[in-house]
Amino acid sequence: MQQLLQVKRRKIQIKYNEKHGIVPKTTKRALKDKKVAEDLDIEGTDISKIPKDELRLLISDLENDMKEAAAKLDFERAASLRDQIATLKGLKKDSS
């Protein structure tokens, strides 16, 4: 039943788009970088421009914070920090 409703809605949407000359396209945003910037409280800073030394220190600090959070059984915070670390390590790898 749910799938039939989705198909019907999609047909209506396609008809509407054709009538109004709308061509759907994918949006492209750097959500991961923005999310990390918000979480690290450095919003407005281009993360990719952080010097390698500072990036290494930042990753080290975040790893320590993650271990502390896990020791305190705050697994949600630890997981969030883990994700931030992974993103930053990806940036570090890309800039090398």
C-alpha atoms as a PDB file:
ATOM      1  CA  MET A   1       0.000   0.000   0.000  1.00  0.00           C
ATOM      2  CA  GLN A   2       2.761   2.427   0.976  1.00  0.00           C
ATOM      3  CA  GLN A   3       4.625   1.719  -2.252  1.00  0.00           C
ATOM      4  CA  LEU A   4       1.508   2.402  -4.337  1.00  0.00           C
ATOM      5  CA  LEU A   5       1.107   5.791  -2.672  1.00  0.00           C
ATOM      6  CA  GLN A   6       4.736   6.623  -3.413  1.00  0.00           C
ATOM      7  CA  VAL A   7       4.311   5.674  -7.074  1.00  0.00           C
ATOM      8  CA  LYS A   8       1.155   7.799  -7.312  1.00  0.00           C
ATOM      9  CA  ARG A   9       2.851  10.776  -5.639  1.00  0.00           C
ATOM     10  CA  ARG A  10       5.837  10.428  -7.940  1.00  0.00           C
ATOM     11  CA  LYS A  11       3.586  10.467 -11.034  1.00  0.00           C
ATOM     12  CA  ILE A  12       1.858  13.606  -9.761  1.00  0.00           C
ATOM     13  CA  GLN A  13       5.252  15.222  -9.091  1.00  0.00           C
ATOM     14  CA  ILE A  14       6.533  14.374 -12.577  1.00  0.00           C
ATOM     15  CA  LYS A  15       3.379  15.815 -14.159  1.00  0.00           C
ATOM     16  CA  TYR A  16       3.711  19.008 -12.106  1.00  0.00           C
ATOM     17  CA  ASN A  17       7.407  19.353 -13.029  1.00  0.00           C
ATOM     18  CA  GLU A  18       6.680  18.939 -16.734  1.00  0.00           C
ATOM     19  CA  LYS A  19       3.824  21.452 -16.607  1.00  0.00           C
ATOM     20  CA  HIS A  20       5.991  24.086 -14.911  1.00  0.00           C
ATOM     21  CA  GLY A  21       9.240  23.352 -16.766  1.00  0.00           C
ATOM     22  CA  ILE A  22      11.079  22.124 -13.682  1.00  0.00           C
ATOM     23  CA  VAL A  23      14.088  19.861 -14.152  1.00  0.00           C
ATOM     24  CA  PRO A  24      15.027  18.139 -10.882  1.00  0.00           C
ATOM     25  CA  LYS A  25      18.717  18.094 -10.037  1.00  0.00           C
ATOM     26  CA  THR A  26      20.842  16.841  -7.183  1.00  0.00           C
ATOM     27  CA  THR A  27      21.923  19.339  -4.563  1.00  0.00           C
ATOM     28  CA  LYS A  28      25.591  19.370  -3.669  1.00  0.00           C
ATOM     29  CA  ARG A  29      26.692  20.505  -0.241  1.00  0.00           C
ATOM     30  CA  ALA A  30      29.684  19.869   1.961  1.00  0.00           C
ATOM     31  CA  LEU A  31      27.573  18.728   4.872  1.00  0.00           C
ATOM     32  CA  LYS A  32      30.272  16.680   6.550  1.00  0.00           C
ATOM     33  CA  ASP A  33      32.698  19.601   6.686  1.00  0.00           C
ATOM     34  CA  LYS A  34      29.969  21.918   7.943  1.00  0.00           C
ATOM     35  CA  LYS A  35      28.893  19.413  10.607  1.00  0.00           C
ATOM     36  CA  VAL A  36      32.460  18.951  11.820  1.00  0.00           C
ATOM     37  CA  ALA A  37      32.984  22.723  11.900  1.00  0.00           C
ATOM     38  CA  GLU A  38      29.829  23.151  13.984  1.00  0.00           C
ATOM     39  CA  ASP A  39      30.787  20.333  16.349  1.00  0.00           C
ATOM     40  CA  LEU A  40      34.310  21.667  16.774  1.00  0.00           C
ATOM     41  CA  ASP A  41      32.992  25.194  17.272  1.00  0.00           C
ATOM     42  CA  ILE A  42      35.058  26.521  14.353  1.00  0.00           C
ATOM     43  CA  GLU A  43      32.139  27.328  12.106  1.00  0.00           C
ATOM     44  CA  GLY A  44      33.033  29.678   9.288  1.00  0.00           C
ATOM     45  CA  THR A  45      36.558  28.257   9.087  1.00  0.00           C
ATOM     46  CA  ASP A  46      37.580  26.303   6.009  1.00  0.00           C
ATOM     47  CA  ILE A  47      38.657  23.039   7.611  1.00  0.00           C
ATOM     48  CA  SER A  48      40.763  22.093   4.612  1.00  0.00           C
ATOM     49  CA  LYS A  49      43.000  25.112   5.260  1.00  0.00           C
ATOM     50  CA  ILE A  50      43.988  24.077   8.805  1.00  0.00           C
ATOM     51  CA  PRO A  51      47.788  23.598   8.930  1.00  0.00           C
ATOM     52  CA  LYS A  52      48.965  19.972   9.183  1.00  0.00           C
ATOM     53  CA  ASP A  53      50.564  20.523  12.615  1.00  0.00           C
ATOM     54  CA  GLU A  54      47.360  21.926  14.073  1.00  0.00           C
ATOM     55  CA  LEU A  55      45.305  19.229  12.393  1.00  0.00           C
ATOM     56  CA  ARG A  56      47.495  16.549  13.980  1.00  0.00           C
ATOM     57  CA  LEU A  57      47.111  18.192  17.411  1.00  0.00           C
ATOM     58  CA  LEU A  58      43.371  18.591  16.939  1.00  0.00           C
ATOM     59  CA  ILE A  59      43.007  14.915  16.046  1.00  0.00           C
ATOM     60  CA  SER A  60      45.099  13.939  19.073  1.00  0.00           C
ATOM     61  CA  ASP A  61      42.962  16.096  21.387  1.00  0.00           C
ATOM     62  CA  LEU A  62      39.761  14.666  19.938  1.00  0.00           C
ATOM     63  CA  GLU A  63      41.069  11.116  20.400  1.00  0.00           C
ATOM     64  CA  ASN A  64      41.779  11.870  24.057  1.00  0.00           C
ATOM     65  CA  ASP A  65      38.301  13.381  24.476  1.00  0.00           C
ATOM     66  CA  MET A  66      36.792  10.321  22.798  1.00  0.00           C
ATOM     67  CA  LYS A  67      38.602   7.961  25.187  1.00  0.00           C
ATOM     68  CA  GLU A  68      37.444  10.012  28.178  1.00  0.00           C
ATOM     69  CA  ALA A  69      33.852   9.992  26.937  1.00  0.00           C
ATOM     70  CA  ALA A  70      33.982   6.216  26.462  1.00  0.00           C
ATOM     71  CA  ALA A  71      35.439   5.756  29.953  1.00  0.00           C
ATOM     72  CA  LYS A  72      32.524   7.809  31.329  1.00  0.00           C
ATOM     73  CA  LEU A  73      30.141   5.604  29.307  1.00  0.00           C
ATOM     74  CA  ASP A  74      29.056   8.587  27.212  1.00  0.00           C
ATOM     75  CA  PHE A  75      28.998   6.544  24.034  1.00  0.00           C
ATOM     76  CA  GLU A  76      26.997   9.038  21.967  1.00  0.00           C
ATOM     77  CA  ARG A  77      29.641  11.706  22.481  1.00  0.00           C
ATOM     78  CA  ALA A  78      32.409   9.166  21.863  1.00  0.00           C
ATOM     79  CA  ALA A  79      30.768   8.133  18.584  1.00  0.00           C
ATOM     80  CA  SER A  80      30.363  11.768  17.530  1.00  0.00           C
ATOM     81  CA  LEU A  81      34.026  12.421  18.276  1.00  0.00           C
ATOM     82  CA  ARG A  82      35.008   9.262  16.385  1.00  0.00           C
ATOM     83  CA  ASP A  83      33.131  10.548  13.324  1.00  0.00           C
ATOM     84  CA  GLN A  84      34.826  13.931  13.577  1.00  0.00           C
ATOM     85  CA  ILE A  85      38.224  12.260  13.849  1.00  0.00           C
ATOM     86  CA  ALA A  86      37.514  10.126  10.791  1.00  0.00           C
ATOM     87  CA  THR A  87      36.535  13.214   8.792  1.00  0.00           C
ATOM     88  CA  LEU A  88      39.629  15.107   9.870  1.00  0.00           C
ATOM     89  CA  LYS A  89      41.877  12.133   9.096  1.00  0.00           C
ATOM     90  CA  GLY A  90      40.283  12.001   5.646  1.00  0.00           C
ATOM     91  CA  LEU A  91      41.121  15.677   5.141  1.00  0.00           C
ATOM     92  CA  LYS A  92      44.647  15.044   6.368  1.00  0.00           C
ATOM     93  CA  LYS A  93      45.026  12.189   3.876  1.00  0.00           C
ATOM     94  CA  ASP A  94      43.628  14.302   1.008  1.00  0.00           C
ATOM     95  CA  SER A  95      46.004  17.182   1.693  1.00  0.00           C
ATOM     96  CA  SER A  96      49.088  14.944   1.799  1.00  0.00           C
END
